[in-house]
Amino acid sequence: MTEEEFDQHPFILTFERMLSMHPKMTEQERNALAEWERVNLGPCGKGTSDWPGWSAVCARLCH
């Protein structure tokens, strides 16, 4: 995989978006994410990127 292909990989783009959105999230959004992570992360196979609230955060920040 070239560096360009790596930079354009969907997982990397998703990760970059999460990192850029997190500091801009409201306290309520961060608390909701933390609670979801507390319940869902671990051996169940889910990751922070699976949080269903990301789309709402993205929609709010994109406007």
PDB file of N, CA and C in Angstrom:
ATOM      1  N   MET A   1       0.849  -1.168   0.000  1.00  0.00           N
ATOM      2  CA  MET A   1       0.000   0.000   0.000  1.00  0.00           C
ATOM      3  C   MET A   1       0.902   1.241   0.000  1.00  0.00           C
ATOM      4  N   THR A   2       0.619   2.150  -0.919  1.00  0.00           N
ATOM      5  CA  THR A   2       1.403   3.381  -0.979  1.00  0.00           C
ATOM      6  C   THR A   2       0.956   4.333   0.125  1.00  0.00           C
ATOM      7  N   GLU A   3       1.758   5.351   0.371  1.00  0.00           N
ATOM      8  CA  GLU A   3       1.396   6.354   1.382  1.00  0.00           C
ATOM      9  C   GLU A   3       0.106   7.060   0.989  1.00  0.00           C
ATOM     10  N   GLU A   4      -0.057   7.339  -0.287  1.00  0.00           N
ATOM     11  CA  GLU A   4      -1.274   7.993  -0.768  1.00  0.00           C
ATOM     12  C   GLU A   4      -2.491   7.095  -0.559  1.00  0.00           C
ATOM     13  N   GLU A   5      -2.361   5.810  -0.880  1.00  0.00           N
ATOM     14  CA  GLU A   5      -3.468   4.869  -0.661  1.00  0.00           C
ATOM     15  C   GLU A   5      -3.791   4.773   0.829  1.00  0.00           C
ATOM     16  N   PHE A   6      -2.766   4.757   1.668  1.00  0.00           N
ATOM     17  CA  PHE A   6      -2.971   4.709   3.115  1.00  0.00           C
ATOM     18  C   PHE A   6      -3.744   5.940   3.579  1.00  0.00           C
ATOM     19  N   ASP A   7      -3.324   7.125   3.113  1.00  0.00           N
ATOM     20  CA  ASP A   7      -3.977   8.374   3.518  1.00  0.00           C
ATOM     21  C   ASP A   7      -5.433   8.438   3.083  1.00  0.00           C
ATOM     22  N   GLN A   8      -5.783   7.733   2.010  1.00  0.00           N
ATOM     23  CA  GLN A   8      -7.152   7.761   1.498  1.00  0.00           C
ATOM     24  C   GLN A   8      -7.980   6.555   1.938  1.00  0.00           C
ATOM     25  N   HIS A   9      -7.407   5.691   2.740  1.00  0.00           N
ATOM     26  CA  HIS A   9      -8.128   4.506   3.209  1.00  0.00           C
ATOM     27  C   HIS A   9      -9.311   4.950   4.074  1.00  0.00           C
ATOM     28  N   PRO A  10     -10.510   4.381   3.876  1.00  0.00           N
ATOM     29  CA  PRO A  10     -11.696   4.803   4.631  1.00  0.00           C
ATOM     30  C   PRO A  10     -11.513   4.758   6.150  1.00  0.00           C
ATOM     31  N   PHE A  11     -10.805   3.767   6.665  1.00  0.00           N
ATOM     32  CA  PHE A  11     -10.609   3.692   8.115  1.00  0.00           C
ATOM     33  C   PHE A  11      -9.783   4.875   8.608  1.00  0.00           C
ATOM     34  N   ILE A  12      -8.740   5.233   7.874  1.00  0.00           N
ATOM     35  CA  ILE A  12      -7.888   6.357   8.270  1.00  0.00           C
ATOM     36  C   ILE A  12      -8.678   7.654   8.202  1.00  0.00           C
ATOM     37  N   LEU A  13      -9.476   7.831   7.165  1.00  0.00           N
ATOM     38  CA  LEU A  13     -10.294   9.036   7.053  1.00  0.00           C
ATOM     39  C   LEU A  13     -11.291   9.126   8.200  1.00  0.00           C
ATOM     40  N   THR A  14     -11.914   8.007   8.559  1.00  0.00           N
ATOM     41  CA  THR A  14     -12.856   7.987   9.679  1.00  0.00           C
ATOM     42  C   THR A  14     -12.145   8.343  10.975  1.00  0.00           C
ATOM     43  N   PHE A  15     -10.993   7.760  11.205  1.00  0.00           N
ATOM     44  CA  PHE A  15     -10.220   8.025  12.413  1.00  0.00           C
ATOM     45  C   PHE A  15      -9.841   9.503  12.498  1.00  0.00           C
ATOM     46  N   GLU A  16      -9.395  10.076  11.384  1.00  0.00           N
ATOM     47  CA  GLU A  16      -9.034  11.498  11.359  1.00  0.00           C
ATOM     48  C   GLU A  16     -10.240  12.375  11.670  1.00  0.00           C
ATOM     49  N   ARG A  17     -11.393  12.017  11.146  1.00  0.00           N
ATOM     50  CA  ARG A  17     -12.605  12.799  11.415  1.00  0.00           C
ATOM     51  C   ARG A  17     -12.976  12.737  12.892  1.00  0.00           C
ATOM     52  N   MET A  18     -12.897  11.544  13.480  1.00  0.00           N
ATOM     53  CA  MET A  18     -13.213  11.420  14.910  1.00  0.00           C
ATOM     54  C   MET A  18     -12.264  12.278  15.736  1.00  0.00           C
ATOM     55  N   LEU A  19     -10.982  12.227  15.411  1.00  0.00           N
ATOM     56  CA  LEU A  19      -9.998  13.019  16.158  1.00  0.00           C
ATOM     57  C   LEU A  19     -10.241  14.515  16.010  1.00  0.00           C
ATOM     58  N   SER A  20     -10.654  14.948  14.838  1.00  0.00           N
ATOM     59  CA  SER A  20     -10.886  16.379  14.642  1.00  0.00           C
ATOM     60  C   SER A  20     -12.200  16.836  15.270  1.00  0.00           C
ATOM     61  N   MET A  21     -13.183  15.956  15.356  1.00  0.00           N
ATOM     62  CA  MET A  21     -14.477  16.329  15.939  1.00  0.00           C
ATOM     63  C   MET A  21     -14.471  16.300  17.464  1.00  0.00           C
ATOM     64  N   HIS A  22     -13.716  15.394  18.043  1.00  0.00           N
ATOM     65  CA  HIS A  22     -13.790  15.196  19.496  1.00  0.00           C
ATOM     66  C   HIS A  22     -13.591  16.487  20.300  1.00  0.00           C
ATOM     67  N   PRO A  23     -12.587  17.311  20.013  1.00  0.00           N
ATOM     68  CA  PRO A  23     -12.422  18.532  20.807  1.00  0.00           C
ATOM     69  C   PRO A  23     -13.553  19.543  20.622  1.00  0.00           C
ATOM     70  N   LYS A  24     -14.307  19.403  19.540  1.00  0.00           N
ATOM     71  CA  LYS A  24     -15.393  20.336  19.241  1.00  0.00           C
ATOM     72  C   LYS A  24     -16.740  19.845  19.766  1.00  0.00           C
ATOM     73  N   MET A  25     -16.757  18.654  20.350  1.00  0.00           N
ATOM     74  CA  MET A  25     -17.999  18.088  20.873  1.00  0.00           C
ATOM     75  C   MET A  25     -18.424  18.827  22.134  1.00  0.00           C
ATOM     76  N   THR A  26     -19.729  18.885  22.351  1.00  0.00           N
ATOM     77  CA  THR A  26     -20.233  19.471  23.590  1.00  0.00           C
ATOM     78  C   THR A  26     -19.940  18.519  24.744  1.00  0.00           C
ATOM     79  N   GLU A  27     -20.041  19.034  25.946  1.00  0.00           N
ATOM     80  CA  GLU A  27     -19.838  18.180  27.117  1.00  0.00           C
ATOM     81  C   GLU A  27     -20.864  17.046  27.133  1.00  0.00           C
ATOM     82  N   GLN A  28     -22.096  17.349  26.748  1.00  0.00           N
ATOM     83  CA  GLN A  28     -23.147  16.327  26.703  1.00  0.00           C
ATOM     84  C   GLN A  28     -22.793  15.233  25.692  1.00  0.00           C
ATOM     85  N   GLU A  29     -22.288  15.616  24.535  1.00  0.00           N
ATOM     86  CA  GLU A  29     -21.889  14.631  23.528  1.00  0.00           C
ATOM     87  C   GLU A  29     -20.736  13.771  24.028  1.00  0.00           C
ATOM     88  N   ARG A  30     -19.744  14.408  24.655  1.00  0.00           N
ATOM     89  CA  ARG A  30     -18.610  13.637  25.189  1.00  0.00           C
ATOM     90  C   ARG A  30     -19.062  12.679  26.289  1.00  0.00           C
ATOM     91  N   ASN A  31     -19.990  13.128  27.129  1.00  0.00           N
ATOM     92  CA  ASN A  31     -20.516  12.246  28.178  1.00  0.00           C
ATOM     93  C   ASN A  31     -21.281  11.073  27.576  1.00  0.00           C
ATOM     94  N   ALA A  32     -22.061  11.337  26.536  1.00  0.00           N
ATOM     95  CA  ALA A  32     -22.814  10.264  25.874  1.00  0.00           C
ATOM     96  C   ALA A  32     -21.858   9.254  25.244  1.00  0.00           C
ATOM     97  N   LEU A  33     -20.803   9.741  24.618  1.00  0.00           N
ATOM     98  CA  LEU A  33     -19.803   8.849  24.030  1.00  0.00           C
ATOM     99  C   LEU A  33     -19.125   8.020  25.118  1.00  0.00           C
ATOM    100  N   ALA A  34     -18.735   8.666  26.208  1.00  0.00           N
ATOM    101  CA  ALA A  34     -18.061   7.952  27.304  1.00  0.00           C
ATOM    102  C   ALA A  34     -18.957   6.868  27.889  1.00  0.00           C
ATOM    103  N   GLU A  35     -20.235   7.161  28.057  1.00  0.00           N
ATOM    104  CA  GLU A  35     -21.168   6.159  28.599  1.00  0.00           C
ATOM    105  C   GLU A  35     -21.336   5.011  27.616  1.00  0.00           C
ATOM    106  N   TRP A  36     -21.476   5.328  26.340  1.00  0.00           N
ATOM    107  CA  TRP A  36     -21.607   4.280  25.326  1.00  0.00           C
ATOM    108  C   TRP A  36     -20.366   3.398  25.331  1.00  0.00           C
ATOM    109  N   GLU A  37     -19.185   4.017  25.402  1.00  0.00           N
ATOM    110  CA  GLU A  37     -17.943   3.244  25.437  1.00  0.00           C
ATOM    111  C   GLU A  37     -17.893   2.350  26.674  1.00  0.00           C
ATOM    112  N   ARG A  38     -18.324   2.876  27.815  1.00  0.00           N
ATOM    113  CA  ARG A  38     -18.307   2.092  29.051  1.00  0.00           C
ATOM    114  C   ARG A  38     -19.125   0.817  28.897  1.00  0.00           C
ATOM    115  N   VAL A  39     -20.247   0.924  28.222  1.00  0.00           N
ATOM    116  CA  VAL A  39     -21.159  -0.210  28.067  1.00  0.00           C
ATOM    117  C   VAL A  39     -20.752  -1.129  26.910  1.00  0.00           C
ATOM    118  N   ASN A  40     -20.209  -0.568  25.843  1.00  0.00           N
ATOM    119  CA  ASN A  40     -20.035  -1.330  24.601  1.00  0.00           C
ATOM    120  C   ASN A  40     -18.623  -1.766  24.235  1.00  0.00           C
ATOM    121  N   LEU A  41     -17.603  -1.112  24.751  1.00  0.00           N
ATOM    122  CA  LEU A  41     -16.244  -1.499  24.372  1.00  0.00           C
ATOM    123  C   LEU A  41     -15.803  -2.731  25.137  1.00  0.00           C
ATOM    124  N   GLY A  42     -14.922  -3.466  24.535  1.00  0.00           N
ATOM    125  CA  GLY A  42     -14.415  -4.672  25.182  1.00  0.00           C
ATOM    126  C   GLY A  42     -14.526  -5.864  24.269  1.00  0.00           C
ATOM    127  N   PRO A  43     -14.768  -7.023  24.841  1.00  0.00           N
ATOM    128  CA  PRO A  43     -14.768  -8.256  24.048  1.00  0.00           C
ATOM    129  C   PRO A  43     -15.931  -8.371  23.063  1.00  0.00           C
ATOM    130  N   CYS A  44     -16.879  -7.448  23.098  1.00  0.00           N
ATOM    131  CA  CYS A  44     -18.029  -7.540  22.188  1.00  0.00           C
ATOM    132  C   CYS A  44     -17.663  -7.170  20.753  1.00  0.00           C
ATOM    133  N   GLY A  45     -16.454  -6.646  20.543  1.00  0.00           N
ATOM    134  CA  GLY A  45     -15.999  -6.363  19.187  1.00  0.00           C
ATOM    135  C   GLY A  45     -16.359  -4.993  18.654  1.00  0.00           C
ATOM    136  N   LYS A  46     -16.900  -4.110  19.474  1.00  0.00           N
ATOM    137  CA  LYS A  46     -17.241  -2.767  19.018  1.00  0.00           C
ATOM    138  C   LYS A  46     -16.108  -1.808  19.362  1.00  0.00           C
ATOM    139  N   GLY A  47     -16.016  -0.742  18.576  1.00  0.00           N
ATOM    140  CA  GLY A  47     -15.011   0.281  18.812  1.00  0.00           C
ATOM    141  C   GLY A  47     -15.655   1.650  18.892  1.00  0.00           C
ATOM    142  N   THR A  48     -14.879   2.629  19.291  1.00  0.00           N
ATOM    143  CA  THR A  48     -15.382   3.997  19.419  1.00  0.00           C
ATOM    144  C   THR A  48     -16.011   4.478  18.119  1.00  0.00           C
ATOM    145  N   SER A  49     -15.479   4.047  16.994  1.00  0.00           N
ATOM    146  CA  SER A  49     -16.031   4.468  15.702  1.00  0.00           C
ATOM    147  C   SER A  49     -17.443   3.939  15.469  1.00  0.00           C
ATOM    148  N   ASP A  50     -17.892   2.959  16.252  1.00  0.00           N
ATOM    149  CA  ASP A  50     -19.244   2.407  16.117  1.00  0.00           C
ATOM    150  C   ASP A  50     -20.297   3.220  16.866  1.00  0.00           C
ATOM    151  N   TRP A  51     -19.878   4.212  17.644  1.00  0.00           N
ATOM    152  CA  TRP A  51     -20.837   5.005  18.416  1.00  0.00           C
ATOM    153  C   TRP A  51     -21.880   5.606  17.481  1.00  0.00           C
ATOM    154  N   PRO A  52     -23.164   5.388  17.729  1.00  0.00           N
ATOM    155  CA  PRO A  52     -24.200   5.900  16.834  1.00  0.00           C
ATOM    156  C   PRO A  52     -24.338   7.425  16.845  1.00  0.00           C
ATOM    157  N   GLY A  53     -23.734   8.104  17.789  1.00  0.00           N
ATOM    158  CA  GLY A  53     -23.847   9.559  17.866  1.00  0.00           C
ATOM    159  C   GLY A  53     -22.936  10.331  16.931  1.00  0.00           C
ATOM    160  N   TRP A  54     -21.989   9.643  16.291  1.00  0.00           N
ATOM    161  CA  TRP A  54     -21.058  10.360  15.417  1.00  0.00           C
ATOM    162  C   TRP A  54     -21.771  11.108  14.291  1.00  0.00           C
ATOM    163  N   SER A  55     -22.787  10.518  13.704  1.00  0.00           N
ATOM    164  CA  SER A  55     -23.446  11.178  12.563  1.00  0.00           C
ATOM    165  C   SER A  55     -24.104  12.484  12.990  1.00  0.00           C
ATOM    166  N   ALA A  56     -24.695  12.519  14.189  1.00  0.00           N
ATOM    167  CA  ALA A  56     -25.321  13.750  14.678  1.00  0.00           C
ATOM    168  C   ALA A  56     -24.264  14.815  14.978  1.00  0.00           C
ATOM    169  N   VAL A  57     -23.149  14.409  15.560  1.00  0.00           N
ATOM    170  CA  VAL A  57     -22.060  15.354  15.839  1.00  0.00           C
ATOM    171  C   VAL A  57     -21.528  15.917  14.526  1.00  0.00           C
ATOM    172  N   CYS A  58     -21.316  15.060  13.566  1.00  0.00           N
ATOM    173  CA  CYS A  58     -20.817  15.490  12.261  1.00  0.00           C
ATOM    174  C   CYS A  58     -21.797  16.456  11.601  1.00  0.00           C
ATOM    175  N   ALA A  59     -23.068  16.135  11.642  1.00  0.00           N
ATOM    176  CA  ALA A  59     -24.079  17.008  11.036  1.00  0.00           C
ATOM    177  C   ALA A  59     -24.080  18.381  11.709  1.00  0.00           C
ATOM    178  N   ARG A  60     -23.961  18.406  13.028  1.00  0.00           N
ATOM    179  CA  ARG A  60     -23.955  19.679  13.756  1.00  0.00           C
ATOM    180  C   ARG A  60     -22.720  20.497  13.397  1.00  0.00           C
ATOM    181  N   LEU A  61     -21.570  19.858  13.332  1.00  0.00           N
ATOM    182  CA  LEU A  61     -20.330  20.580  13.071  1.00  0.00           C
ATOM    183  C   LEU A  61     -20.163  20.984  11.609  1.00  0.00           C
ATOM    184  N   CYS A  62     -20.857  20.335  10.713  1.00  0.00           N
ATOM    185  CA  CYS A  62     -20.726  20.640   9.285  1.00  0.00           C
ATOM    186  C   CYS A  62     -21.576  21.826   8.856  1.00  0.00           C
ATOM    187  N   HIS A  63     -22.380  22.340   9.752  1.00  0.00           N
ATOM    188  CA  HIS A  63     -23.248  23.475   9.385  1.00  0.00           C
ATOM    189  C   HIS A  63     -22.799  24.749  10.016  1.00  0.00           C
TER     190      HIS A  63
END
